Each structure stands twice: as C-alpha cells, then as structure tokens.
C-alpha cells in the first residue's frame, strides 16, 4: 500500500541517487585536484623561447639543404628538434650548437 498510495519510495530513491551522484562527483574532483593537476604549471612564453638554448647535434647536417637533429635539455626533460645550417655548410655529429 505504501508503494502504491505514497510517494515515499520515489523520494527515498531520488535522495539516494542524488547523494550517490554527489559523492561520485566529489571523488572525481578530489582525484583531479590531488593527483592529476598537482604537477601542472602555468604556461609562459619564455618557456618556449629557443634563442640561446645550448644542445648537442645528434644527427649531422650534411649540406645546404640537409636537416639534422639537436638534443637539448629543458626543465629537466630531454628534448629534440630538427635543425638546418644557416651558412649552408655541414654540421658534424656531437657538436655543441645554440
């Protein structure tokens, strides 16, 4: 009779669903802020400036139209970038370049 003539079952189910939804949203928010976003930093333009970066040529530039690769360190991470010679001359491997 309670199920048929009363809205008590509907209100109970709705409140349990709302409480469990809020608990799940709080758990996801906690995980995002404490675990995933802990190491995030603000992006600044100076972090991507390549002028004056010292690196080592890992793949030589063979001529005027040739391309090579330079390895450099940025914020503790090892990065690589494609390079070309601006004087149209070869750049040998293991040369320090900026």
PDB file of N, CA and C in Angstrom:
ATOM      1  N   UNK A   1       0.818  -1.185   0.000  1.00  0.00           N
ATOM      2  CA  UNK A   1       0.000   0.000   0.000  1.00  0.00           C
ATOM      3  C   UNK A   1       0.865   1.254   0.000  1.00  0.00           C
ATOM      4  N   UNK A   2       1.990   1.173   0.728  1.00  0.00           N
ATOM      5  CA  UNK A   2       2.852   2.345   0.800  1.00  0.00           C
ATOM      6  C   UNK A   2       3.428   2.677  -0.584  1.00  0.00           C
ATOM      7  N   UNK A   3       3.751   1.642  -1.323  1.00  0.00           N
ATOM      8  CA  UNK A   3       4.305   1.869  -2.656  1.00  0.00           C
ATOM      9  C   UNK A   3       3.256   2.420  -3.612  1.00  0.00           C
ATOM     10  N   UNK A   4       2.052   1.974  -3.499  1.00  0.00           N
ATOM     11  CA  UNK A   4       1.012   2.370  -4.430  1.00  0.00           C
ATOM     12  C   UNK A   4       0.380   3.708  -4.079  1.00  0.00           C
ATOM     13  N   UNK A   5       0.182   4.024  -2.818  1.00  0.00           N
ATOM     14  CA  UNK A   5      -0.566   5.224  -2.427  1.00  0.00           C
ATOM     15  C   UNK A   5       0.317   6.317  -1.827  1.00  0.00           C
ATOM     16  N   UNK A   6       1.638   6.140  -1.855  1.00  0.00           N
ATOM     17  CA  UNK A   6       2.509   7.144  -1.248  1.00  0.00           C
ATOM     18  C   UNK A   6       3.688   7.418  -2.173  1.00  0.00           C
ATOM     19  N   UNK A   7       4.241   8.589  -2.093  1.00  0.00           N
ATOM     20  CA  UNK A   7       5.418   8.971  -2.873  1.00  0.00           C
ATOM     21  C   UNK A   7       6.695   8.761  -2.060  1.00  0.00           C
ATOM     22  N   UNK A   8       6.575   8.058  -0.908  1.00  0.00           N
ATOM     23  CA  UNK A   8       7.733   7.849  -0.033  1.00  0.00           C
ATOM     24  C   UNK A   8       8.839   7.060  -0.740  1.00  0.00           C
ATOM     25  N   UNK A   9       8.522   6.037  -1.512  1.00  0.00           N
ATOM     26  CA  UNK A   9       9.522   5.233  -2.232  1.00  0.00           C
ATOM     27  C   UNK A   9      10.250   6.046  -3.280  1.00  0.00           C
ATOM     28  N   UNK A  10       9.525   6.882  -3.990  1.00  0.00           N
ATOM     29  CA  UNK A  10      10.138   7.735  -5.013  1.00  0.00           C
ATOM     30  C   UNK A  10      11.087   8.747  -4.380  1.00  0.00           C
ATOM     31  N   UNK A  11      10.673   9.366  -3.286  1.00  0.00           N
ATOM     32  CA  UNK A  11      11.509  10.352  -2.606  1.00  0.00           C
ATOM     33  C   UNK A  11      12.751   9.690  -2.045  1.00  0.00           C
ATOM     34  N   UNK A  12      12.627   8.498  -1.477  1.00  0.00           N
ATOM     35  CA  UNK A  12      13.775   7.771  -0.945  1.00  0.00           C
ATOM     36  C   UNK A  12      14.747   7.414  -2.071  1.00  0.00           C
ATOM     37  N   UNK A  13      14.273   6.899  -3.187  1.00  0.00           N
ATOM     38  CA  UNK A  13      15.138   6.545  -4.314  1.00  0.00           C
ATOM     39  C   UNK A  13      15.813   7.777  -4.902  1.00  0.00           C
ATOM     40  N   UNK A  14      15.093   8.870  -5.019  1.00  0.00           N
ATOM     41  CA  UNK A  14      15.664  10.110  -5.538  1.00  0.00           C
ATOM     42  C   UNK A  14      16.753  10.650  -4.627  1.00  0.00           C
ATOM     43  N   UNK A  15      16.533  10.614  -3.340  1.00  0.00           N
ATOM     44  CA  UNK A  15      17.542  11.132  -2.410  1.00  0.00           C
ATOM     45  C   UNK A  15      18.786  10.243  -2.391  1.00  0.00           C
ATOM     46  N   UNK A  16      18.610   8.929  -2.467  1.00  0.00           N
ATOM     47  CA  UNK A  16      19.778   8.029  -2.524  1.00  0.00           C
ATOM     48  C   UNK A  16      20.556   8.248  -3.817  1.00  0.00           C
ATOM     49  N   UNK A  17      19.871   8.420  -4.932  1.00  0.00           N
ATOM     50  CA  UNK A  17      20.543   8.668  -6.218  1.00  0.00           C
ATOM     51  C   UNK A  17      21.279  10.002  -6.207  1.00  0.00           C
ATOM     52  N   UNK A  18      20.665  11.029  -5.646  1.00  0.00           N
ATOM     53  CA  UNK A  18      21.318  12.338  -5.584  1.00  0.00           C
ATOM     54  C   UNK A  18      22.542  12.295  -4.683  1.00  0.00           C
ATOM     55  N   UNK A  19      22.437  11.626  -3.542  1.00  0.00           N
ATOM     56  CA  UNK A  19      23.573  11.533  -2.617  1.00  0.00           C
ATOM     57  C   UNK A  19      24.722  10.744  -3.237  1.00  0.00           C
ATOM     58  N   UNK A  20      24.414   9.642  -3.906  1.00  0.00           N
ATOM     59  CA  UNK A  20      25.492   8.862  -4.527  1.00  0.00           C
ATOM     60  C   UNK A  20      26.114   9.619  -5.707  1.00  0.00           C
ATOM     61  N   UNK A  21      25.335  10.391  -6.442  1.00  0.00           N
ATOM     62  CA  UNK A  21      25.879  11.209  -7.527  1.00  0.00           C
ATOM     63  C   UNK A  21      26.806  12.293  -7.013  1.00  0.00           C
ATOM     64  N   UNK A  22      26.425  12.948  -5.934  1.00  0.00           N
ATOM     65  CA  UNK A  22      27.290  13.965  -5.337  1.00  0.00           C
ATOM     66  C   UNK A  22      28.566  13.361  -4.766  1.00  0.00           C
ATOM     67  N   UNK A  23      28.464  12.180  -4.166  1.00  0.00           N
ATOM     68  CA  UNK A  23      29.655  11.508  -3.633  1.00  0.00           C
ATOM     69  C   UNK A  23      30.614  11.129  -4.756  1.00  0.00           C
ATOM     70  N   UNK A  24      30.095  10.631  -5.873  1.00  0.00           N
ATOM     71  CA  UNK A  24      30.942  10.282  -7.008  1.00  0.00           C
ATOM     72  C   UNK A  24      31.585  11.523  -7.619  1.00  0.00           C
ATOM     73  N   UNK A  25      30.847  12.616  -7.720  1.00  0.00           N
ATOM     74  CA  UNK A  25      31.410  13.864  -8.253  1.00  0.00           C
ATOM     75  C   UNK A  25      32.500  14.394  -7.333  1.00  0.00           C
ATOM     76  N   UNK A  26      32.315  14.287  -6.033  1.00  0.00           N
ATOM     77  CA  UNK A  26      33.343  14.732  -5.077  1.00  0.00           C
ATOM     78  C   UNK A  26      34.597  13.872  -5.195  1.00  0.00           C
ATOM     79  N   UNK A  27      34.434  12.563  -5.396  1.00  0.00           N
ATOM     80  CA  UNK A  27      35.586  11.677  -5.546  1.00  0.00           C
ATOM     81  C   UNK A  27      36.370  12.011  -6.820  1.00  0.00           C
ATOM     82  N   UNK A  28      35.679  12.264  -7.908  1.00  0.00           N
ATOM     83  CA  UNK A  28      36.352  12.628  -9.159  1.00  0.00           C
ATOM     84  C   UNK A  28      37.055  13.971  -9.015  1.00  0.00           C
ATOM     85  N   UNK A  29      36.424  14.941  -8.377  1.00  0.00           N
ATOM     86  CA  UNK A  29      37.040  16.244  -8.161  1.00  0.00           C
ATOM     87  C   UNK A  29      38.288  16.119  -7.300  1.00  0.00           C
ATOM     88  N   UNK A  30      38.233  15.341  -6.244  1.00  0.00           N
ATOM     89  CA  UNK A  30      39.398  15.138  -5.378  1.00  0.00           C
ATOM     90  C   UNK A  30      40.532  14.502  -6.168  1.00  0.00           C
ATOM     91  N   UNK A  31      40.236  13.468  -6.960  1.00  0.00           N
ATOM     92  CA  UNK A  31      41.259  12.797  -7.752  1.00  0.00           C
ATOM     93  C   UNK A  31      41.900  13.747  -8.748  1.00  0.00           C
ATOM     94  N   UNK A  32      41.103  14.565  -9.414  1.00  0.00           N
ATOM     95  CA  UNK A  32      41.640  15.516 -10.392  1.00  0.00           C
ATOM     96  C   UNK A  32      42.564  16.540  -9.733  1.00  0.00           C
ATOM     97  N   UNK A  33      42.140  17.105  -8.607  1.00  0.00           N
ATOM     98  CA  UNK A  33      42.932  18.169  -7.991  1.00  0.00           C
ATOM     99  C   UNK A  33      44.153  17.647  -7.251  1.00  0.00           C
ATOM    100  N   UNK A  34      44.061  16.505  -6.618  1.00  0.00           N
ATOM    101  CA  UNK A  34      45.174  15.997  -5.811  1.00  0.00           C
ATOM    102  C   UNK A  34      46.171  15.168  -6.595  1.00  0.00           C
ATOM    103  N   UNK A  35      45.713  14.458  -7.611  1.00  0.00           N
ATOM    104  CA  UNK A  35      46.606  13.539  -8.318  1.00  0.00           C
ATOM    105  C   UNK A  35      46.998  14.073  -9.698  1.00  0.00           C
ATOM    106  N   UNK A  36      46.033  14.394 -10.539  1.00  0.00           N
ATOM    107  CA  UNK A  36      46.335  14.755 -11.922  1.00  0.00           C
ATOM    108  C   UNK A  36      46.831  16.185 -12.090  1.00  0.00           C
ATOM    109  N   UNK A  37      46.272  17.132 -11.372  1.00  0.00           N
ATOM    110  CA  UNK A  37      46.627  18.534 -11.570  1.00  0.00           C
ATOM    111  C   UNK A  37      47.728  19.028 -10.633  1.00  0.00           C
ATOM    112  N   UNK A  38      48.318  18.133  -9.853  1.00  0.00           N
ATOM    113  CA  UNK A  38      49.339  18.550  -8.889  1.00  0.00           C
ATOM    114  C   UNK A  38      50.584  19.101  -9.581  1.00  0.00           C
ATOM    115  N   UNK A  39      50.989  18.499 -10.693  1.00  0.00           N
ATOM    116  CA  UNK A  39      52.228  18.914 -11.353  1.00  0.00           C
ATOM    117  C   UNK A  39      52.007  19.919 -12.475  1.00  0.00           C
ATOM    118  N   UNK A  40      50.793  20.385 -12.677  1.00  0.00           N
ATOM    119  CA  UNK A  40      50.510  21.353 -13.730  1.00  0.00           C
ATOM    120  C   UNK A  40      51.074  22.724 -13.356  1.00  0.00           C
ATOM    121  N   UNK A  41      51.622  23.415 -14.353  1.00  0.00           N
ATOM    122  CA  UNK A  41      52.178  24.751 -14.157  1.00  0.00           C
ATOM    123  C   UNK A  41      51.595  25.684 -15.208  1.00  0.00           C
ATOM    124  N   UNK A  42      51.681  26.956 -14.929  1.00  0.00           N
ATOM    125  CA  UNK A  42      51.207  27.963 -15.875  1.00  0.00           C
ATOM    126  C   UNK A  42      52.138  27.999 -17.079  1.00  0.00           C
ATOM    127  N   UNK A  43      51.574  28.033 -18.287  1.00  0.00           N
ATOM    128  CA  UNK A  43      52.382  28.101 -19.493  1.00  0.00           C
ATOM    129  C   UNK A  43      52.819  29.549 -19.723  1.00  0.00           C
ATOM    130  N   UNK A  44      54.128  29.723 -19.892  1.00  0.00           N
ATOM    131  CA  UNK A  44      54.669  31.055 -20.150  1.00  0.00           C
ATOM    132  C   UNK A  44      55.384  31.062 -21.499  1.00  0.00           C
ATOM    133  N   UNK A  45      55.397  32.194 -22.150  1.00  0.00           N
ATOM    134  CA  UNK A  45      56.031  32.297 -23.464  1.00  0.00           C
ATOM    135  C   UNK A  45      57.542  32.071 -23.379  1.00  0.00           C
ATOM    136  N   UNK A  46      58.165  32.482 -22.295  1.00  0.00           N
ATOM    137  CA  UNK A  46      59.609  32.344 -22.137  1.00  0.00           C
ATOM    138  C   UNK A  46      60.027  30.874 -22.087  1.00  0.00           C
ATOM    139  N   UNK A  47      59.127  29.983 -21.678  1.00  0.00           N
ATOM    140  CA  UNK A  47      59.456  28.565 -21.618  1.00  0.00           C
ATOM    141  C   UNK A  47      59.649  27.950 -22.994  1.00  0.00           C
ATOM    142  N   UNK A  48      59.166  28.593 -24.038  1.00  0.00           N
ATOM    143  CA  UNK A  48      59.252  28.061 -25.391  1.00  0.00           C
ATOM    144  C   UNK A  48      60.221  28.853 -26.272  1.00  0.00           C
ATOM    145  N   UNK A  49      60.923  29.794 -25.707  1.00  0.00           N
ATOM    146  CA  UNK A  49      61.906  30.586 -26.446  1.00  0.00           C
ATOM    147  C   UNK A  49      63.139  29.720 -26.707  1.00  0.00           C
ATOM    148  N   UNK A  50      63.553  29.607 -27.967  1.00  0.00           N
ATOM    149  CA  UNK A  50      64.672  28.741 -28.334  1.00  0.00           C
ATOM    150  C   UNK A  50      65.989  29.484 -28.520  1.00  0.00           C
ATOM    151  N   UNK A  51      65.982  30.816 -28.495  1.00  0.00           N
ATOM    152  CA  UNK A  51      67.202  31.581 -28.680  1.00  0.00           C
ATOM    153  C   UNK A  51      68.103  31.378 -27.473  1.00  0.00           C
ATOM    154  N   UNK A  52      69.342  30.957 -27.712  1.00  0.00           N
ATOM    155  CA  UNK A  52      70.306  30.773 -26.640  1.00  0.00           C
ATOM    156  C   UNK A  52      70.279  29.400 -25.992  1.00  0.00           C
ATOM    157  N   UNK A  53      69.477  28.479 -26.495  1.00  0.00           N
ATOM    158  CA  UNK A  53      69.427  27.126 -25.933  1.00  0.00           C
ATOM    159  C   UNK A  53      70.629  26.350 -26.457  1.00  0.00           C
ATOM    160  N   UNK A  54      71.409  25.786 -25.559  1.00  0.00           N
ATOM    161  CA  UNK A  54      72.593  25.020 -25.924  1.00  0.00           C
ATOM    162  C   UNK A  54      72.224  23.544 -26.013  1.00  0.00           C
ATOM    163  N   UNK A  55      72.622  22.901 -27.105  1.00  0.00           N
ATOM    164  CA  UNK A  55      72.319  21.490 -27.294  1.00  0.00           C
ATOM    165  C   UNK A  55      73.448  20.786 -28.017  1.00  0.00           C
ATOM    166  N   UNK A  56      73.278  19.484 -28.233  1.00  0.00           N
ATOM    167  CA  UNK A  56      74.278  18.675 -28.913  1.00  0.00           C
ATOM    168  C   UNK A  56      73.651  18.092 -30.164  1.00  0.00           C
ATOM    169  N   UNK A  57      74.384  18.173 -31.270  1.00  0.00           N
ATOM    170  CA  UNK A  57      73.897  17.648 -32.543  1.00  0.00           C
ATOM    171  C   UNK A  57      73.975  16.125 -32.486  1.00  0.00           C
ATOM    172  N   UNK A  58      72.830  15.467 -32.626  1.00  0.00           N
ATOM    173  CA  UNK A  58      72.799  14.007 -32.560  1.00  0.00           C
ATOM    174  C   UNK A  58      72.737  13.367 -33.941  1.00  0.00           C
ATOM    175  N   UNK A  59      72.253  14.098 -34.924  1.00  0.00           N
ATOM    176  CA  UNK A  59      72.221  13.629 -36.302  1.00  0.00           C
ATOM    177  C   UNK A  59      72.807  14.747 -37.163  1.00  0.00           C
ATOM    178  N   UNK A  60      73.904  14.495 -37.876  1.00  0.00           N
ATOM    179  CA  UNK A  60      74.604  15.583 -38.563  1.00  0.00           C
ATOM    180  C   UNK A  60      73.800  16.199 -39.702  1.00  0.00           C
ATOM    181  N   UNK A  61      74.079  17.486 -39.953  1.00  0.00           N
ATOM    182  CA  UNK A  61      73.537  18.193 -41.109  1.00  0.00           C
ATOM    183  C   UNK A  61      74.554  18.018 -42.222  1.00  0.00           C
ATOM    184  N   UNK A  62      74.141  17.448 -43.356  1.00  0.00           N
ATOM    185  CA  UNK A  62      75.096  17.042 -44.381  1.00  0.00           C
ATOM    186  C   UNK A  62      75.381  18.103 -45.438  1.00  0.00           C
ATOM    187  N   UNK A  63      74.582  19.129 -45.549  1.00  0.00           N
ATOM    188  CA  UNK A  63      74.863  20.128 -46.564  1.00  0.00           C
ATOM    189  C   UNK A  63      73.896  21.283 -46.486  1.00  0.00           C
ATOM    190  N   UNK A  64      73.801  22.013 -47.605  1.00  0.00           N
ATOM    191  CA  UNK A  64      72.986  23.224 -47.633  1.00  0.00           C
ATOM    192  C   UNK A  64      71.508  22.937 -47.425  1.00  0.00           C
ATOM    193  N   UNK A  65      70.998  21.865 -48.000  1.00  0.00           N
ATOM    194  CA  UNK A  65      69.577  21.557 -47.871  1.00  0.00           C
ATOM    195  C   UNK A  65      69.314  20.403 -46.910  1.00  0.00           C
ATOM    196  N   UNK A  66      70.351  19.921 -46.250  1.00  0.00           N
ATOM    197  CA  UNK A  66      70.194  18.797 -45.334  1.00  0.00           C
ATOM    198  C   UNK A  66      69.637  19.229 -43.986  1.00  0.00           C
ATOM    199  N   UNK A  67      69.034  18.284 -43.316  1.00  0.00           N
ATOM    200  CA  UNK A  67      68.498  18.538 -41.982  1.00  0.00           C
ATOM    201  C   UNK A  67      69.110  17.538 -41.018  1.00  0.00           C
ATOM    202  N   UNK A  68      69.240  17.971 -39.773  1.00  0.00           N
ATOM    203  CA  UNK A  68      69.758  17.108 -38.729  1.00  0.00           C
ATOM    204  C   UNK A  68      68.889  17.216 -37.495  1.00  0.00           C
ATOM    205  N   UNK A  69      69.419  16.755 -36.375  1.00  0.00           N
ATOM    206  CA  UNK A  69      68.662  16.773 -35.132  1.00  0.00           C
ATOM    207  C   UNK A  69      69.560  17.240 -33.994  1.00  0.00           C
ATOM    208  N   UNK A  70      69.001  18.054 -33.112  1.00  0.00           N
ATOM    209  CA  UNK A  70      69.716  18.539 -31.940  1.00  0.00           C
ATOM    210  C   UNK A  70      68.972  18.092 -30.693  1.00  0.00           C
ATOM    211  N   UNK A  71      69.695  17.628 -29.690  1.00  0.00           N
ATOM    212  CA  UNK A  71      69.122  17.240 -28.405  1.00  0.00           C
ATOM    213  C   UNK A  71      69.502  18.307 -27.387  1.00  0.00           C
ATOM    214  N   UNK A  72      68.520  18.765 -26.622  1.00  0.00           N
ATOM    215  CA  UNK A  72      68.757  19.776 -25.596  1.00  0.00           C
ATOM    216  C   UNK A  72      67.943  19.438 -24.356  1.00  0.00           C
ATOM    217  N   UNK A  73      68.243  20.094 -23.262  1.00  0.00           N
ATOM    218  CA  UNK A  73      67.545  19.857 -22.009  1.00  0.00           C
ATOM    219  C   UNK A  73      66.707  21.080 -21.661  1.00  0.00           C
ATOM    220  N   UNK A  74      65.440  20.828 -21.294  1.00  0.00           N
ATOM    221  CA  UNK A  74      64.541  21.925 -20.928  1.00  0.00           C
ATOM    222  C   UNK A  74      63.712  21.468 -19.738  1.00  0.00           C
ATOM    223  N   UNK A  75      63.821  22.139 -18.608  1.00  0.00           N
ATOM    224  CA  UNK A  75      63.070  21.840 -17.383  1.00  0.00           C
ATOM    225  C   UNK A  75      63.286  20.402 -16.926  1.00  0.00           C
ATOM    226  N   UNK A  76      64.504  19.914 -17.066  1.00  0.00           N
ATOM    227  CA  UNK A  76      64.813  18.565 -16.617  1.00  0.00           C
ATOM    228  C   UNK A  76      64.406  17.466 -17.573  1.00  0.00           C
ATOM    229  N   UNK A  77      63.846  17.809 -18.712  1.00  0.00           N
ATOM    230  CA  UNK A  77      63.430  16.809 -19.699  1.00  0.00           C
ATOM    231  C   UNK A  77      64.344  16.887 -20.917  1.00  0.00           C
ATOM    232  N   UNK A  78      64.594  15.757 -21.518  1.00  0.00           N
ATOM    233  CA  UNK A  78      65.419  15.699 -22.720  1.00  0.00           C
ATOM    234  C   UNK A  78      64.515  15.901 -23.932  1.00  0.00           C
ATOM    235  N   UNK A  79      64.831  16.898 -24.750  1.00  0.00           N
ATOM    236  CA  UNK A  79      64.007  17.242 -25.916  1.00  0.00           C
ATOM    237  C   UNK A  79      64.856  17.163 -27.181  1.00  0.00           C
ATOM    238  N   UNK A  80      64.219  17.062 -28.311  1.00  0.00           N
ATOM    239  CA  UNK A  80      64.941  17.064 -29.589  1.00  0.00           C
ATOM    240  C   UNK A  80      64.195  17.944 -30.579  1.00  0.00           C
ATOM    241  N   UNK A  81      64.960  18.475 -31.535  1.00  0.00           N
ATOM    242  CA  UNK A  81      64.395  19.378 -32.524  1.00  0.00           C
ATOM    243  C   UNK A  81      65.173  19.225 -33.835  1.00  0.00           C
ATOM    244  N   UNK A  82      64.501  19.430 -34.951  1.00  0.00           N
ATOM    245  CA  UNK A  82      65.148  19.381 -36.261  1.00  0.00           C
ATOM    246  C   UNK A  82      65.919  20.680 -36.486  1.00  0.00           C
ATOM    247  N   UNK A  83      67.095  20.583 -37.086  1.00  0.00           N
ATOM    248  CA  UNK A  83      67.935  21.768 -37.341  1.00  0.00           C
ATOM    249  C   UNK A  83      68.419  21.745 -38.793  1.00  0.00           C
ATOM    250  N   UNK A  84      68.791  22.951 -39.271  1.00  0.00           N
ATOM    251  CA  UNK A  84      69.455  23.128 -40.556  1.00  0.00           C
ATOM    252  C   UNK A  84      70.550  24.158 -40.374  1.00  0.00           C
ATOM    253  N   UNK A  85      71.533  24.120 -41.237  1.00  0.00           N
ATOM    254  CA  UNK A  85      72.627  25.078 -41.184  1.00  0.00           C
ATOM    255  C   UNK A  85      72.227  26.361 -41.891  1.00  0.00           C
ATOM    256  N   UNK A  86      72.450  27.508 -41.249  1.00  0.00           N
ATOM    257  CA  UNK A  86      72.116  28.779 -41.894  1.00  0.00           C
ATOM    258  C   UNK A  86      73.261  29.302 -42.752  1.00  0.00           C
ATOM    259  N   UNK A  87      74.470  28.711 -42.649  1.00  0.00           N
ATOM    260  CA  UNK A  87      75.598  29.096 -43.501  1.00  0.00           C
ATOM    261  C   UNK A  87      75.800  28.122 -44.659  1.00  0.00           C
ATOM    262  N   UNK A  88      74.876  27.191 -44.872  1.00  0.00           N
ATOM    263  CA  UNK A  88      74.933  26.209 -45.957  1.00  0.00           C
ATOM    264  C   UNK A  88      76.189  25.337 -45.891  1.00  0.00           C
ATOM    265  N   UNK A  89      76.641  25.035 -44.708  1.00  0.00           N
ATOM    266  CA  UNK A  89      77.784  24.146 -44.547  1.00  0.00           C
ATOM    267  C   UNK A  89      77.398  23.011 -43.598  1.00  0.00           C
ATOM    268  N   UNK A  90      78.071  21.886 -43.699  1.00  0.00           N
ATOM    269  CA  UNK A  90      77.716  20.737 -42.862  1.00  0.00           C
ATOM    270  C   UNK A  90      78.003  20.992 -41.381  1.00  0.00           C
ATOM    271  N   UNK A  91      77.228  20.360 -40.531  1.00  0.00           N
ATOM    272  CA  UNK A  91      77.441  20.410 -39.076  1.00  0.00           C
ATOM    273  C   UNK A  91      77.660  18.970 -38.629  1.00  0.00           C
ATOM    274  N   UNK A  92      78.856  18.645 -38.107  1.00  0.00           N
ATOM    275  CA  UNK A  92      79.132  17.256 -37.720  1.00  0.00           C
ATOM    276  C   UNK A  92      78.400  16.843 -36.441  1.00  0.00           C
ATOM    277  N   UNK A  93      78.321  15.535 -36.246  1.00  0.00           N
ATOM    278  CA  UNK A  93      77.677  14.964 -35.066  1.00  0.00           C
ATOM    279  C   UNK A  93      78.486  15.303 -33.808  1.00  0.00           C
ATOM    280  N   UNK A  94      77.826  15.397 -32.665  1.00  0.00           N
ATOM    281  CA  UNK A  94      78.390  15.686 -31.329  1.00  0.00           C
ATOM    282  C   UNK A  94      78.942  17.105 -31.208  1.00  0.00           C
ATOM    283  N   UNK A  95      78.553  18.002 -32.095  1.00  0.00           N
ATOM    284  CA  UNK A  95      78.917  19.416 -31.984  1.00  0.00           C
ATOM    285  C   UNK A  95      77.940  20.098 -31.046  1.00  0.00           C
ATOM    286  N   UNK A  96      78.455  20.919 -30.136  1.00  0.00           N
ATOM    287  CA  UNK A  96      77.552  21.717 -29.296  1.00  0.00           C
ATOM    288  C   UNK A  96      77.085  22.906 -30.114  1.00  0.00           C
ATOM    289  N   UNK A  97      75.787  23.127 -30.136  1.00  0.00           N
ATOM    290  CA  UNK A  97      75.175  24.127 -31.015  1.00  0.00           C
ATOM    291  C   UNK A  97      74.151  24.923 -30.234  1.00  0.00           C
ATOM    292  N   UNK A  98      73.963  26.185 -30.592  1.00  0.00           N
ATOM    293  CA  UNK A  98      72.962  27.021 -29.933  1.00  0.00           C
ATOM    294  C   UNK A  98      72.118  27.749 -30.941  1.00  0.00           C
TER     295      UNK A  98
END
